[in-house]
Amino acid sequence: MGLPVVLMPGPMNAAVAAGLDGHCELIRLWEEPDPDAVLAGRRDEIVAVATGGTTIDGPWLDRLPAVRLVASFGVGYDRIDAKAAAERGVIVTNTPGVLDDEVADTALGLLLMTVRELGQAERYLRAGKWADGTPYPLTRATMHGRRMGILGLGRIGQAIADRVEPFGITVAYHNRSPKDLPYRYYPTLLEMAADVDTLMIVIPGGPTTRHLVNAEVLKALGPDGILINVARGTVVDEQALVDALRTNTIQAAGLDVFEHEPNVHPDLLTLPNTVLLPHVGSATQPTRTAMANLVVQNLTHYLTRGTPLTPVPESTHLLK
């Protein structure tokens, strides 16, 4: 009997393929001259999928009836219809935990840059304006004493809370349900937004959270409000955010994610009260290698023992 067949629809971190060597036959679909012919010819052999960004829904899975595991690279898995997968008996895994600290560090850095206008100040210096004898204007806001509302207090949200508290920042949060944590819980996002001056977004993407942060929420955040998003761009109504920034409905925004990545709303690029990063929250070599290793561990554990290590919530009932 040959090795089990695993499909990789698109390029992934090289450590994934290296880690799977000897454990399976790996089909690198993007390298095939006729991908559709490969899928049709091997449809009854492919038992698992390793993916880093391919959209996988019910009809996609119907083309590969033998697939029983989709191992996703990343903590967010909004490109995978996990509910449709579960309905077909397919387990979906992600890579939680290994990137929490890196993303939390990025969130803290983005918050500092946005509050203290560090990116703008650097551009001011590079443009020679400081050398002309004009100091950079005093920033309107400070880190100390801010009131932060975290939208999505999971592992990453908790790591962010741990980092900001030493700044004297008061932490509150909104989740679907309260947790046993020493932070104030708000049952609605709107109520929390009206009571804080910093909104930190760490909630998963997908249809249920699309445009959760809308014009009404931004208005409630108010003219001293700062929005930071290190989650998914689709959580924020990007046009509403542009309008709020342009009219000073809120003070500023720091964004690592965007609604139509890698395309950024052109107005965000020109507004002076934005700090923009190209989705680099977990983008360090050590963290990406750790994520790749967890993808490999999920696949090999499933191929040898029938169960993966980190199934997403929609899949857990398939393991009972």
C-alpha atoms as a PDB file:
ATOM      1  CA  MET A   1       0.000   0.000   0.000  1.00  0.00           C
ATOM      2  CA  GLY A   2       1.321   3.436  -0.956  1.00  0.00           C
ATOM      3  CA  LEU A   3       1.504   6.540   1.144  1.00  0.00           C
ATOM      4  CA  PRO A   4      -1.676   8.555   1.769  1.00  0.00           C
ATOM      5  CA  VAL A   5      -2.236  11.356  -0.722  1.00  0.00           C
ATOM      6  CA  VAL A   6      -2.327  14.977   0.507  1.00  0.00           C
ATOM      7  CA  LEU A   7      -3.225  17.923  -1.703  1.00  0.00           C
ATOM      8  CA  MET A   8      -1.550  21.338  -1.426  1.00  0.00           C
ATOM      9  CA  PRO A   9      -3.644  23.668  -3.650  1.00  0.00           C
ATOM     10  CA  GLY A  10      -1.248  26.626  -3.509  1.00  0.00           C
ATOM     11  CA  PRO A  11       2.224  27.583  -2.255  1.00  0.00           C
ATOM     12  CA  MET A  12       2.815  27.333   1.494  1.00  0.00           C
ATOM     13  CA  ASN A  13       5.706  27.804   3.881  1.00  0.00           C
ATOM     14  CA  ALA A  14       8.485  25.451   2.767  1.00  0.00           C
ATOM     15  CA  ALA A  15       8.574  23.807   6.192  1.00  0.00           C
ATOM     16  CA  VAL A  16       5.171  22.222   5.516  1.00  0.00           C
ATOM     17  CA  ALA A  17       6.352  20.217   2.504  1.00  0.00           C
ATOM     18  CA  ALA A  18       9.631  19.395   4.238  1.00  0.00           C
ATOM     19  CA  GLY A  19       7.843  18.135   7.315  1.00  0.00           C
ATOM     20  CA  LEU A  20       5.465  15.966   5.300  1.00  0.00           C
ATOM     21  CA  ASP A  21       8.265  14.268   3.360  1.00  0.00           C
ATOM     22  CA  GLY A  22       8.030  10.519   3.894  1.00  0.00           C
ATOM     23  CA  HIS A  23       4.602  10.728   5.542  1.00  0.00           C
ATOM     24  CA  CYS A  24       2.504  11.175   2.418  1.00  0.00           C
ATOM     25  CA  GLU A  25       2.453  11.691  -1.304  1.00  0.00           C
ATOM     26  CA  LEU A  26       2.127  15.445  -1.665  1.00  0.00           C
ATOM     27  CA  ILE A  27       0.430  16.889  -4.741  1.00  0.00           C
ATOM     28  CA  ARG A  28       1.500  20.492  -5.351  1.00  0.00           C
ATOM     29  CA  LEU A  29      -1.502  21.455  -7.411  1.00  0.00           C
ATOM     30  CA  TRP A  30      -0.247  24.884  -8.536  1.00  0.00           C
ATOM     31  CA  GLU A  31       2.725  23.205 -10.218  1.00  0.00           C
ATOM     32  CA  GLU A  32       0.543  20.886 -12.310  1.00  0.00           C
ATOM     33  CA  PRO A  33       0.006  21.892 -15.966  1.00  0.00           C
ATOM     34  CA  ASP A  34      -3.629  20.714 -15.810  1.00  0.00           C
ATOM     35  CA  PRO A  35      -4.882  21.011 -12.199  1.00  0.00           C
ATOM     36  CA  ASP A  36      -8.464  20.037 -13.056  1.00  0.00           C
ATOM     37  CA  ALA A  37      -7.274  16.796 -14.653  1.00  0.00           C
ATOM     38  CA  VAL A  38      -5.234  15.999 -11.546  1.00  0.00           C
ATOM     39  CA  LEU A  39      -8.212  16.568  -9.271  1.00  0.00           C
ATOM     40  CA  ALA A  40     -10.446  14.458 -11.472  1.00  0.00           C
ATOM     41  CA  GLY A  41      -7.919  11.648 -11.752  1.00  0.00           C
ATOM     42  CA  ARG A  42      -7.009  11.484  -8.049  1.00  0.00           C
ATOM     43  CA  ARG A  43     -10.360  12.501  -6.527  1.00  0.00           C
ATOM     44  CA  ASP A  44     -10.844   9.181  -4.725  1.00  0.00           C
ATOM     45  CA  GLU A  45      -7.278   9.086  -3.367  1.00  0.00           C
ATOM     46  CA  ILE A  46      -6.792  12.538  -1.819  1.00  0.00           C
ATOM     47  CA  VAL A  47      -7.533  12.158   1.892  1.00  0.00           C
ATOM     48  CA  ALA A  48      -6.335  15.513   3.255  1.00  0.00           C
ATOM     49  CA  VAL A  49      -5.666  19.083   2.158  1.00  0.00           C
ATOM     50  CA  ALA A  50      -2.956  21.465   3.390  1.00  0.00           C
ATOM     51  CA  THR A  51      -3.857  25.047   2.571  1.00  0.00           C
ATOM     52  CA  GLY A  52      -2.603  28.520   3.269  1.00  0.00           C
ATOM     53  CA  GLY A  53      -5.131  30.681   1.481  1.00  0.00           C
ATOM     54  CA  THR A  54      -7.289  28.728  -0.952  1.00  0.00           C
ATOM     55  CA  THR A  55     -11.031  29.261  -0.615  1.00  0.00           C
ATOM     56  CA  ILE A  56     -12.587  25.921   0.268  1.00  0.00           C
ATOM     57  CA  ASP A  57     -16.365  25.573   0.358  1.00  0.00           C
ATOM     58  CA  GLY A  58     -18.901  22.776   0.029  1.00  0.00           C
ATOM     59  CA  PRO A  59     -18.807  22.461  -3.788  1.00  0.00           C
ATOM     60  CA  TRP A  60     -14.986  22.424  -3.669  1.00  0.00           C
ATOM     61  CA  LEU A  61     -15.055  19.550  -1.183  1.00  0.00           C
ATOM     62  CA  ASP A  62     -17.653  17.704  -3.256  1.00  0.00           C
ATOM     63  CA  ARG A  63     -15.006  17.334  -5.978  1.00  0.00           C
ATOM     64  CA  LEU A  64     -12.838  15.356  -3.529  1.00  0.00           C
ATOM     65  CA  PRO A  65     -15.091  12.910  -1.689  1.00  0.00           C
ATOM     66  CA  ALA A  66     -12.232  11.083   0.061  1.00  0.00           C
ATOM     67  CA  VAL A  67     -10.942  14.187   1.865  1.00  0.00           C
ATOM     68  CA  ARG A  68     -11.438  13.991   5.627  1.00  0.00           C
ATOM     69  CA  LEU A  69      -9.092  16.725   6.848  1.00  0.00           C
ATOM     70  CA  VAL A  70      -8.322  20.303   5.820  1.00  0.00           C
ATOM     71  CA  ALA A  71      -5.258  21.604   7.664  1.00  0.00           C
ATOM     72  CA  SER A  72      -5.184  25.392   7.477  1.00  0.00           C
ATOM     73  CA  PHE A  73      -2.078  27.548   7.907  1.00  0.00           C
ATOM     74  CA  GLY A  74      -3.091  30.374  10.264  1.00  0.00           C
ATOM     75  CA  VAL A  75      -5.342  30.958  13.236  1.00  0.00           C
ATOM     76  CA  GLY A  76      -8.051  32.530  11.070  1.00  0.00           C
ATOM     77  CA  TYR A  77      -9.853  30.174   8.730  1.00  0.00           C
ATOM     78  CA  ASP A  78     -12.533  32.375   7.166  1.00  0.00           C
ATOM     79  CA  ARG A  79     -11.575  31.169   3.662  1.00  0.00           C
ATOM     80  CA  ILE A  80     -12.747  27.696   4.671  1.00  0.00           C
ATOM     81  CA  ASP A  81     -16.434  26.924   5.124  1.00  0.00           C
ATOM     82  CA  ALA A  82     -15.962  24.895   8.287  1.00  0.00           C
ATOM     83  CA  LYS A  83     -19.686  24.302   8.658  1.00  0.00           C
ATOM     84  CA  ALA A  84     -19.971  22.858   5.137  1.00  0.00           C
ATOM     85  CA  ALA A  85     -16.898  20.750   5.842  1.00  0.00           C
ATOM     86  CA  ALA A  86     -18.416  19.374   9.062  1.00  0.00           C
ATOM     87  CA  GLU A  87     -21.619  18.497   7.204  1.00  0.00           C
ATOM     88  CA  ARG A  88     -19.485  16.312   4.931  1.00  0.00           C
ATOM     89  CA  GLY A  89     -17.557  14.732   7.794  1.00  0.00           C
ATOM     90  CA  VAL A  90     -14.432  16.787   7.063  1.00  0.00           C
ATOM     91  CA  ILE A  91     -12.379  18.086   9.985  1.00  0.00           C
ATOM     92  CA  VAL A  92     -10.793  21.526   9.722  1.00  0.00           C
ATOM     93  CA  THR A  93      -7.727  22.477  11.757  1.00  0.00           C
ATOM     94  CA  ASN A  94      -5.932  25.770  12.272  1.00  0.00           C
ATOM     95  CA  THR A  95      -2.756  26.900  14.053  1.00  0.00           C
ATOM     96  CA  PRO A  96      -3.759  28.590  17.331  1.00  0.00           C
ATOM     97  CA  GLY A  97      -1.396  29.419  20.151  1.00  0.00           C
ATOM     98  CA  VAL A  98       1.891  29.512  18.258  1.00  0.00           C
ATOM     99  CA  LEU A  99       1.313  33.014  16.869  1.00  0.00           C
ATOM    100  CA  ASP A 100      -0.436  34.649  19.835  1.00  0.00           C
ATOM    101  CA  ASP A 101       2.577  36.547  21.175  1.00  0.00           C
ATOM    102  CA  GLU A 102       3.738  37.723  17.750  1.00  0.00           C
ATOM    103  CA  VAL A 103       0.341  39.153  16.834  1.00  0.00           C
ATOM    104  CA  ALA A 104      -0.062  40.705  20.284  1.00  0.00           C
ATOM    105  CA  ASP A 105       3.363  42.351  19.917  1.00  0.00           C
ATOM    106  CA  THR A 106       2.318  43.723  16.532  1.00  0.00           C
ATOM    107  CA  ALA A 107      -0.929  45.027  18.025  1.00  0.00           C
ATOM    108  CA  LEU A 108       0.986  46.834  20.755  1.00  0.00           C
ATOM    109  CA  GLY A 109       3.434  48.308  18.251  1.00  0.00           C
ATOM    110  CA  LEU A 110       0.588  49.424  15.993  1.00  0.00           C
ATOM    111  CA  LEU A 111      -1.173  51.012  18.953  1.00  0.00           C
ATOM    112  CA  LEU A 112       1.976  52.914  19.938  1.00  0.00           C
ATOM    113  CA  MET A 113       2.543  54.065  16.363  1.00  0.00           C
ATOM    114  CA  THR A 114      -1.039  55.265  16.006  1.00  0.00           C
ATOM    115  CA  VAL A 115      -1.392  57.000  19.373  1.00  0.00           C
ATOM    116  CA  ARG A 116       2.003  58.736  19.207  1.00  0.00           C
ATOM    117  CA  GLU A 117       2.025  59.231  15.401  1.00  0.00           C
ATOM    118  CA  LEU A 118       5.437  57.586  15.165  1.00  0.00           C
ATOM    119  CA  GLY A 119       5.182  56.751  11.469  1.00  0.00           C
ATOM    120  CA  GLN A 120       4.154  60.301  10.644  1.00  0.00           C
ATOM    121  CA  ALA A 121       6.980  61.669  12.778  1.00  0.00           C
ATOM    122  CA  GLU A 122       9.530  59.497  10.978  1.00  0.00           C
ATOM    123  CA  ARG A 123       8.290  60.685   7.580  1.00  0.00           C
ATOM    124  CA  TYR A 124       8.518  64.266   8.865  1.00  0.00           C
ATOM    125  CA  LEU A 125      12.174  63.732   9.747  1.00  0.00           C
ATOM    126  CA  ARG A 126      12.988  61.985   6.464  1.00  0.00           C
ATOM    127  CA  ALA A 127      11.406  64.867   4.552  1.00  0.00           C
ATOM    128  CA  GLY A 128      13.909  67.253   6.160  1.00  0.00           C
ATOM    129  CA  LYS A 129      11.286  69.263   8.033  1.00  0.00           C
ATOM    130  CA  TRP A 130      12.939  68.808  11.424  1.00  0.00           C
ATOM    131  CA  ALA A 131      16.261  69.908   9.988  1.00  0.00           C
ATOM    132  CA  ASP A 132      14.512  73.057   8.765  1.00  0.00           C
ATOM    133  CA  GLY A 133      14.084  74.028  12.404  1.00  0.00           C
ATOM    134  CA  THR A 134      10.440  73.095  12.914  1.00  0.00           C
ATOM    135  CA  PRO A 135       9.773  70.465  15.600  1.00  0.00           C
ATOM    136  CA  TYR A 136       7.107  67.850  14.952  1.00  0.00           C
ATOM    137  CA  PRO A 137       3.787  68.985  16.455  1.00  0.00           C
ATOM    138  CA  LEU A 138       2.827  67.663  19.874  1.00  0.00           C
ATOM    139  CA  THR A 139       0.667  64.576  19.549  1.00  0.00           C
ATOM    140  CA  ARG A 140      -2.882  64.884  20.759  1.00  0.00           C
ATOM    141  CA  ALA A 141      -3.028  61.538  22.545  1.00  0.00           C
ATOM    142  CA  THR A 142      -0.960  59.488  24.977  1.00  0.00           C
ATOM    143  CA  MET A 143      -0.890  55.784  25.801  1.00  0.00           C
ATOM    144  CA  HIS A 144      -1.222  56.181  29.547  1.00  0.00           C
ATOM    145  CA  GLY A 145      -4.691  56.137  31.019  1.00  0.00           C
ATOM    146  CA  ARG A 146      -6.501  55.027  27.869  1.00  0.00           C
ATOM    147  CA  ARG A 147      -9.617  52.875  28.069  1.00  0.00           C
ATOM    148  CA  MET A 148      -9.372  49.910  25.700  1.00  0.00           C
ATOM    149  CA  GLY A 149     -12.258  47.761  24.575  1.00  0.00           C
ATOM    150  CA  ILE A 150     -11.139  44.460  23.065  1.00  0.00           C
ATOM    151  CA  LEU A 151     -13.489  42.943  20.509  1.00  0.00           C
ATOM    152  CA  GLY A 152     -12.769  39.219  20.789  1.00  0.00           C
ATOM    153  CA  LEU A 153     -10.994  38.314  24.014  1.00  0.00           C
ATOM    154  CA  GLY A 154      -9.486  34.976  22.987  1.00  0.00           C
ATOM    155  CA  ARG A 155      -5.851  33.936  23.321  1.00  0.00           C
ATOM    156  CA  ILE A 156      -4.525  36.869  21.317  1.00  0.00           C
ATOM    157  CA  GLY A 157      -6.879  39.331  22.977  1.00  0.00           C
ATOM    158  CA  GLN A 158      -5.706  38.187  26.401  1.00  0.00           C
ATOM    159  CA  ALA A 159      -2.068  38.525  25.325  1.00  0.00           C
ATOM    160  CA  ILE A 160      -2.795  42.089  24.204  1.00  0.00           C
ATOM    161  CA  ALA A 161      -4.483  42.855  27.530  1.00  0.00           C
ATOM    162  CA  ASP A 162      -1.411  41.578  29.374  1.00  0.00           C
ATOM    163  CA  ARG A 163       0.799  43.933  27.353  1.00  0.00           C
ATOM    164  CA  VAL A 164      -1.251  47.115  27.655  1.00  0.00           C
ATOM    165  CA  GLU A 165      -2.072  46.996  31.366  1.00  0.00           C
ATOM    166  CA  PRO A 166       1.443  48.138  32.412  1.00  0.00           C
ATOM    167  CA  PHE A 167       0.750  51.342  30.457  1.00  0.00           C
ATOM    168  CA  GLY A 168      -2.083  52.098  32.855  1.00  0.00           C
ATOM    169  CA  ILE A 169      -4.655  51.182  30.212  1.00  0.00           C
ATOM    170  CA  THR A 170      -8.014  49.963  31.505  1.00  0.00           C
ATOM    171  CA  VAL A 171      -9.220  46.878  29.651  1.00  0.00           C
ATOM    172  CA  ALA A 172     -12.801  45.886  28.857  1.00  0.00           C
ATOM    173  CA  TYR A 173     -14.137  43.432  26.300  1.00  0.00           C
ATOM    174  CA  HIS A 174     -17.060  42.219  24.232  1.00  0.00           C
ATOM    175  CA  ASN A 175     -17.522  38.551  23.337  1.00  0.00           C
ATOM    176  CA  ARG A 176     -20.551  36.440  22.591  1.00  0.00           C
ATOM    177  CA  SER A 177     -20.477  35.498  26.284  1.00  0.00           C
ATOM    178  CA  PRO A 178     -18.555  36.681  29.371  1.00  0.00           C
ATOM    179  CA  LYS A 179     -15.408  34.980  30.640  1.00  0.00           C
ATOM    180  CA  ASP A 180     -14.040  34.506  34.130  1.00  0.00           C
ATOM    181  CA  LEU A 181     -11.560  37.360  33.758  1.00  0.00           C
ATOM    182  CA  PRO A 182     -10.949  40.568  35.737  1.00  0.00           C
ATOM    183  CA  TYR A 183     -12.130  42.870  32.956  1.00  0.00           C
ATOM    184  CA  ARG A 184     -15.468  44.549  32.486  1.00  0.00           C
ATOM    185  CA  TYR A 185     -17.698  42.674  30.062  1.00  0.00           C
ATOM    186  CA  TYR A 186     -20.057  44.514  27.722  1.00  0.00           C
ATOM    187  CA  PRO A 187     -22.994  42.543  26.314  1.00  0.00           C
ATOM    188  CA  THR A 188     -23.060  44.704  23.166  1.00  0.00           C
ATOM    189  CA  LEU A 189     -20.314  46.168  21.011  1.00  0.00           C
ATOM    190  CA  LEU A 190     -22.128  49.497  20.735  1.00  0.00           C
ATOM    191  CA  GLU A 191     -22.268  49.910  24.506  1.00  0.00           C
ATOM    192  CA  MET A 192     -18.568  49.152  24.809  1.00  0.00           C
ATOM    193  CA  ALA A 193     -17.599  51.495  21.973  1.00  0.00           C
ATOM    194  CA  ALA A 194     -19.407  54.368  23.683  1.00  0.00           C
ATOM    195  CA  ASP A 195     -17.516  53.729  26.926  1.00  0.00           C
ATOM    196  CA  VAL A 196     -13.904  53.390  25.656  1.00  0.00           C
ATOM    197  CA  ASP A 197     -11.462  55.481  23.639  1.00  0.00           C
ATOM    198  CA  THR A 198      -9.551  52.592  22.033  1.00  0.00           C
ATOM    199  CA  LEU A 199     -11.183  49.753  20.113  1.00  0.00           C
ATOM    200  CA  MET A 200      -8.905  46.751  19.551  1.00  0.00           C
ATOM    201  CA  ILE A 201     -10.257  44.211  17.045  1.00  0.00           C
ATOM    202  CA  VAL A 202      -9.121  40.606  17.458  1.00  0.00           C
ATOM    203  CA  ILE A 203     -12.296  38.760  16.415  1.00  0.00           C
ATOM    204  CA  PRO A 204     -12.341  36.134  13.626  1.00  0.00           C
ATOM    205  CA  GLY A 205     -13.519  37.067  10.155  1.00  0.00           C
ATOM    206  CA  GLY A 206     -16.312  35.442   8.175  1.00  0.00           C
ATOM    207  CA  PRO A 207     -19.963  36.136   7.358  1.00  0.00           C
ATOM    208  CA  THR A 208     -21.083  36.419  10.994  1.00  0.00           C
ATOM    209  CA  THR A 209     -18.648  39.246  11.796  1.00  0.00           C
ATOM    210  CA  ARG A 210     -18.642  41.087   8.462  1.00  0.00           C
ATOM    211  CA  HIS A 211     -18.972  44.862   9.002  1.00  0.00           C
ATOM    212  CA  LEU A 212     -19.607  44.345  12.707  1.00  0.00           C
ATOM    213  CA  VAL A 213     -17.719  47.601  13.218  1.00  0.00           C
ATOM    214  CA  ASN A 214     -19.894  49.985  11.232  1.00  0.00           C
ATOM    215  CA  ALA A 215     -20.675  53.703  11.117  1.00  0.00           C
ATOM    216  CA  GLU A 216     -22.805  53.489  14.257  1.00  0.00           C
ATOM    217  CA  VAL A 217     -20.028  51.836  16.255  1.00  0.00           C
ATOM    218  CA  LEU A 218     -17.453  54.361  15.003  1.00  0.00           C
ATOM    219  CA  LYS A 219     -19.710  57.262  15.958  1.00  0.00           C
ATOM    220  CA  ALA A 220     -20.076  55.768  19.429  1.00  0.00           C
ATOM    221  CA  LEU A 221     -16.277  55.472  19.735  1.00  0.00           C
ATOM    222  CA  GLY A 222     -16.133  59.227  19.328  1.00  0.00           C
ATOM    223  CA  PRO A 223     -13.688  61.984  18.355  1.00  0.00           C
ATOM    224  CA  ASP A 224     -10.990  60.800  20.782  1.00  0.00           C
ATOM    225  CA  GLY A 225     -11.372  57.224  19.606  1.00  0.00           C
ATOM    226  CA  ILE A 226      -8.609  55.125  18.098  1.00  0.00           C
ATOM    227  CA  LEU A 227      -9.330  51.902  16.214  1.00  0.00           C
ATOM    228  CA  ILE A 228      -6.743  49.128  15.871  1.00  0.00           C
ATOM    229  CA  ASN A 229      -7.405  46.072  13.715  1.00  0.00           C
ATOM    230  CA  VAL A 230      -5.101  43.032  13.711  1.00  0.00           C
ATOM    231  CA  ALA A 231      -7.876  40.525  12.976  1.00  0.00           C
ATOM    232  CA  ARG A 232      -9.611  40.538   9.592  1.00  0.00           C
ATOM    233  CA  GLY A 233     -10.350  43.523   7.392  1.00  0.00           C
ATOM    234  CA  THR A 234     -13.894  42.346   6.719  1.00  0.00           C
ATOM    235  CA  VAL A 235     -14.866  42.979  10.363  1.00  0.00           C
ATOM    236  CA  VAL A 236     -14.766  46.730   9.632  1.00  0.00           C
ATOM    237  CA  ASP A 237     -16.937  48.555   7.121  1.00  0.00           C
ATOM    238  CA  GLU A 238     -13.960  50.139   5.378  1.00  0.00           C
ATOM    239  CA  GLN A 239     -15.897  52.917   3.649  1.00  0.00           C
ATOM    240  CA  ALA A 240     -17.531  53.844   6.956  1.00  0.00           C
ATOM    241  CA  LEU A 241     -14.069  53.942   8.522  1.00  0.00           C
ATOM    242  CA  VAL A 242     -12.750  56.224   5.776  1.00  0.00           C
ATOM    243  CA  ASP A 243     -15.693  58.557   6.307  1.00  0.00           C
ATOM    244  CA  ALA A 244     -15.170  58.562  10.081  1.00  0.00           C
ATOM    245  CA  LEU A 245     -11.466  59.363   9.720  1.00  0.00           C
ATOM    246  CA  ARG A 246     -12.055  62.087   7.148  1.00  0.00           C
ATOM    247  CA  THR A 247     -14.712  63.839   9.267  1.00  0.00           C
ATOM    248  CA  ASN A 248     -12.851  63.336  12.584  1.00  0.00           C
ATOM    249  CA  THR A 249     -15.713  61.203  13.863  1.00  0.00           C
ATOM    250  CA  ILE A 250     -12.826  59.181  15.328  1.00  0.00           C
ATOM    251  CA  GLN A 251      -9.268  60.372  15.877  1.00  0.00           C
ATOM    252  CA  ALA A 252      -7.170  57.732  14.123  1.00  0.00           C
ATOM    253  CA  ALA A 253      -6.857  54.123  12.998  1.00  0.00           C
ATOM    254  CA  GLY A 254      -4.024  51.606  12.916  1.00  0.00           C
ATOM    255  CA  LEU A 255      -4.621  48.743  10.492  1.00  0.00           C
ATOM    256  CA  ASP A 256      -2.721  45.558   9.738  1.00  0.00           C
ATOM    257  CA  VAL A 257      -5.616  44.088   7.734  1.00  0.00           C
ATOM    258  CA  PHE A 258      -7.939  45.377   5.043  1.00  0.00           C
ATOM    259  CA  GLU A 259     -11.279  44.485   3.526  1.00  0.00           C
ATOM    260  CA  HIS A 260      -9.976  43.678   0.037  1.00  0.00           C
ATOM    261  CA  GLU A 261      -6.379  42.570   0.594  1.00  0.00           C
ATOM    262  CA  PRO A 262      -3.885  43.167  -0.833  1.00  0.00           C
ATOM    263  CA  ASN A 263      -5.748  46.169  -2.242  1.00  0.00           C
ATOM    264  CA  VAL A 264      -6.089  49.044   0.221  1.00  0.00           C
ATOM    265  CA  HIS A 265      -8.804  51.686  -0.007  1.00  0.00           C
ATOM    266  CA  PRO A 266      -7.044  54.605  -1.748  1.00  0.00           C
ATOM    267  CA  ASP A 267      -8.330  57.136   0.769  1.00  0.00           C
ATOM    268  CA  LEU A 268      -6.710  55.242   3.622  1.00  0.00           C
ATOM    269  CA  LEU A 269      -3.365  55.747   1.881  1.00  0.00           C
ATOM    270  CA  THR A 270      -3.727  59.527   1.852  1.00  0.00           C
ATOM    271  CA  LEU A 271      -5.462  60.242   5.161  1.00  0.00           C
ATOM    272  CA  PRO A 272      -2.988  61.690   7.685  1.00  0.00           C
ATOM    273  CA  ASN A 273      -4.557  59.939  10.685  1.00  0.00           C
ATOM    274  CA  THR A 274      -3.846  56.342   9.671  1.00  0.00           C
ATOM    275  CA  VAL A 275      -1.023  53.885  10.291  1.00  0.00           C
ATOM    276  CA  LEU A 276      -1.041  51.038   7.771  1.00  0.00           C
ATOM    277  CA  LEU A 277       0.853  47.735   7.771  1.00  0.00           C
ATOM    278  CA  PRO A 278       0.782  45.022   5.052  1.00  0.00           C
ATOM    279  CA  HIS A 279      -0.737  42.211   7.182  1.00  0.00           C
ATOM    280  CA  VAL A 280       2.453  41.382   9.061  1.00  0.00           C
ATOM    281  CA  GLY A 281       0.940  40.421  12.410  1.00  0.00           C
ATOM    282  CA  SER A 282       2.619  37.009  12.585  1.00  0.00           C
ATOM    283  CA  ALA A 283       5.206  37.594   9.882  1.00  0.00           C
ATOM    284  CA  THR A 284       8.461  36.509  11.481  1.00  0.00           C
ATOM    285  CA  GLN A 285      10.474  33.498  10.418  1.00  0.00           C
ATOM    286  CA  PRO A 286      10.306  31.732  13.819  1.00  0.00           C
ATOM    287  CA  THR A 287       6.535  32.153  14.112  1.00  0.00           C
ATOM    288  CA  ARG A 288       5.782  31.120  10.537  1.00  0.00           C
ATOM    289  CA  THR A 289       7.972  28.047  10.998  1.00  0.00           C
ATOM    290  CA  ALA A 290       6.082  27.178  14.186  1.00  0.00           C
ATOM    291  CA  MET A 291       2.799  27.566  12.295  1.00  0.00           C
ATOM    292  CA  ALA A 292       4.062  25.321   9.502  1.00  0.00           C
ATOM    293  CA  ASN A 293       5.163  22.704  12.032  1.00  0.00           C
ATOM    294  CA  LEU A 294       1.688  22.683  13.577  1.00  0.00           C
ATOM    295  CA  VAL A 295       0.138  22.157  10.141  1.00  0.00           C
ATOM    296  CA  VAL A 296       2.455  19.173   9.696  1.00  0.00           C
ATOM    297  CA  GLN A 297       1.636  17.832  13.162  1.00  0.00           C
ATOM    298  CA  ASN A 298      -2.107  18.067  12.489  1.00  0.00           C
ATOM    299  CA  LEU A 299      -1.706  16.159   9.236  1.00  0.00           C
ATOM    300  CA  THR A 300       0.670  13.477  10.472  1.00  0.00           C
ATOM    301  CA  HIS A 301      -1.276  12.927  13.682  1.00  0.00           C
ATOM    302  CA  TYR A 302      -4.432  12.492  11.639  1.00  0.00           C
ATOM    303  CA  LEU A 303      -2.803  10.194   9.070  1.00  0.00           C
ATOM    304  CA  THR A 304      -1.301   7.942  11.753  1.00  0.00           C
ATOM    305  CA  ARG A 305      -3.865   8.107  14.560  1.00  0.00           C
ATOM    306  CA  GLY A 306      -7.073   9.352  12.986  1.00  0.00           C
ATOM    307  CA  THR A 307      -7.296  12.572  15.009  1.00  0.00           C
ATOM    308  CA  PRO A 308      -5.650  15.992  14.554  1.00  0.00           C
ATOM    309  CA  LEU A 309      -4.278  18.182  17.348  1.00  0.00           C
ATOM    310  CA  THR A 310      -6.088  21.498  16.888  1.00  0.00           C
ATOM    311  CA  PRO A 311      -9.539  21.139  15.307  1.00  0.00           C
ATOM    312  CA  VAL A 312     -11.633  24.298  14.943  1.00  0.00           C
ATOM    313  CA  PRO A 313     -14.822  24.505  17.027  1.00  0.00           C
ATOM    314  CA  GLU A 314     -17.076  23.546  14.104  1.00  0.00           C
ATOM    315  CA  SER A 315     -15.210  20.233  13.815  1.00  0.00           C
ATOM    316  CA  THR A 316     -14.876  19.076  17.414  1.00  0.00           C
ATOM    317  CA  HIS A 317     -18.085  17.023  17.363  1.00  0.00           C
ATOM    318  CA  LEU A 318     -16.586  14.863  14.598  1.00  0.00           C
ATOM    319  CA  LEU A 319     -13.941  13.605  17.031  1.00  0.00           C
ATOM    320  CA  LYS A 320     -16.333  12.239  19.634  1.00  0.00           C
END
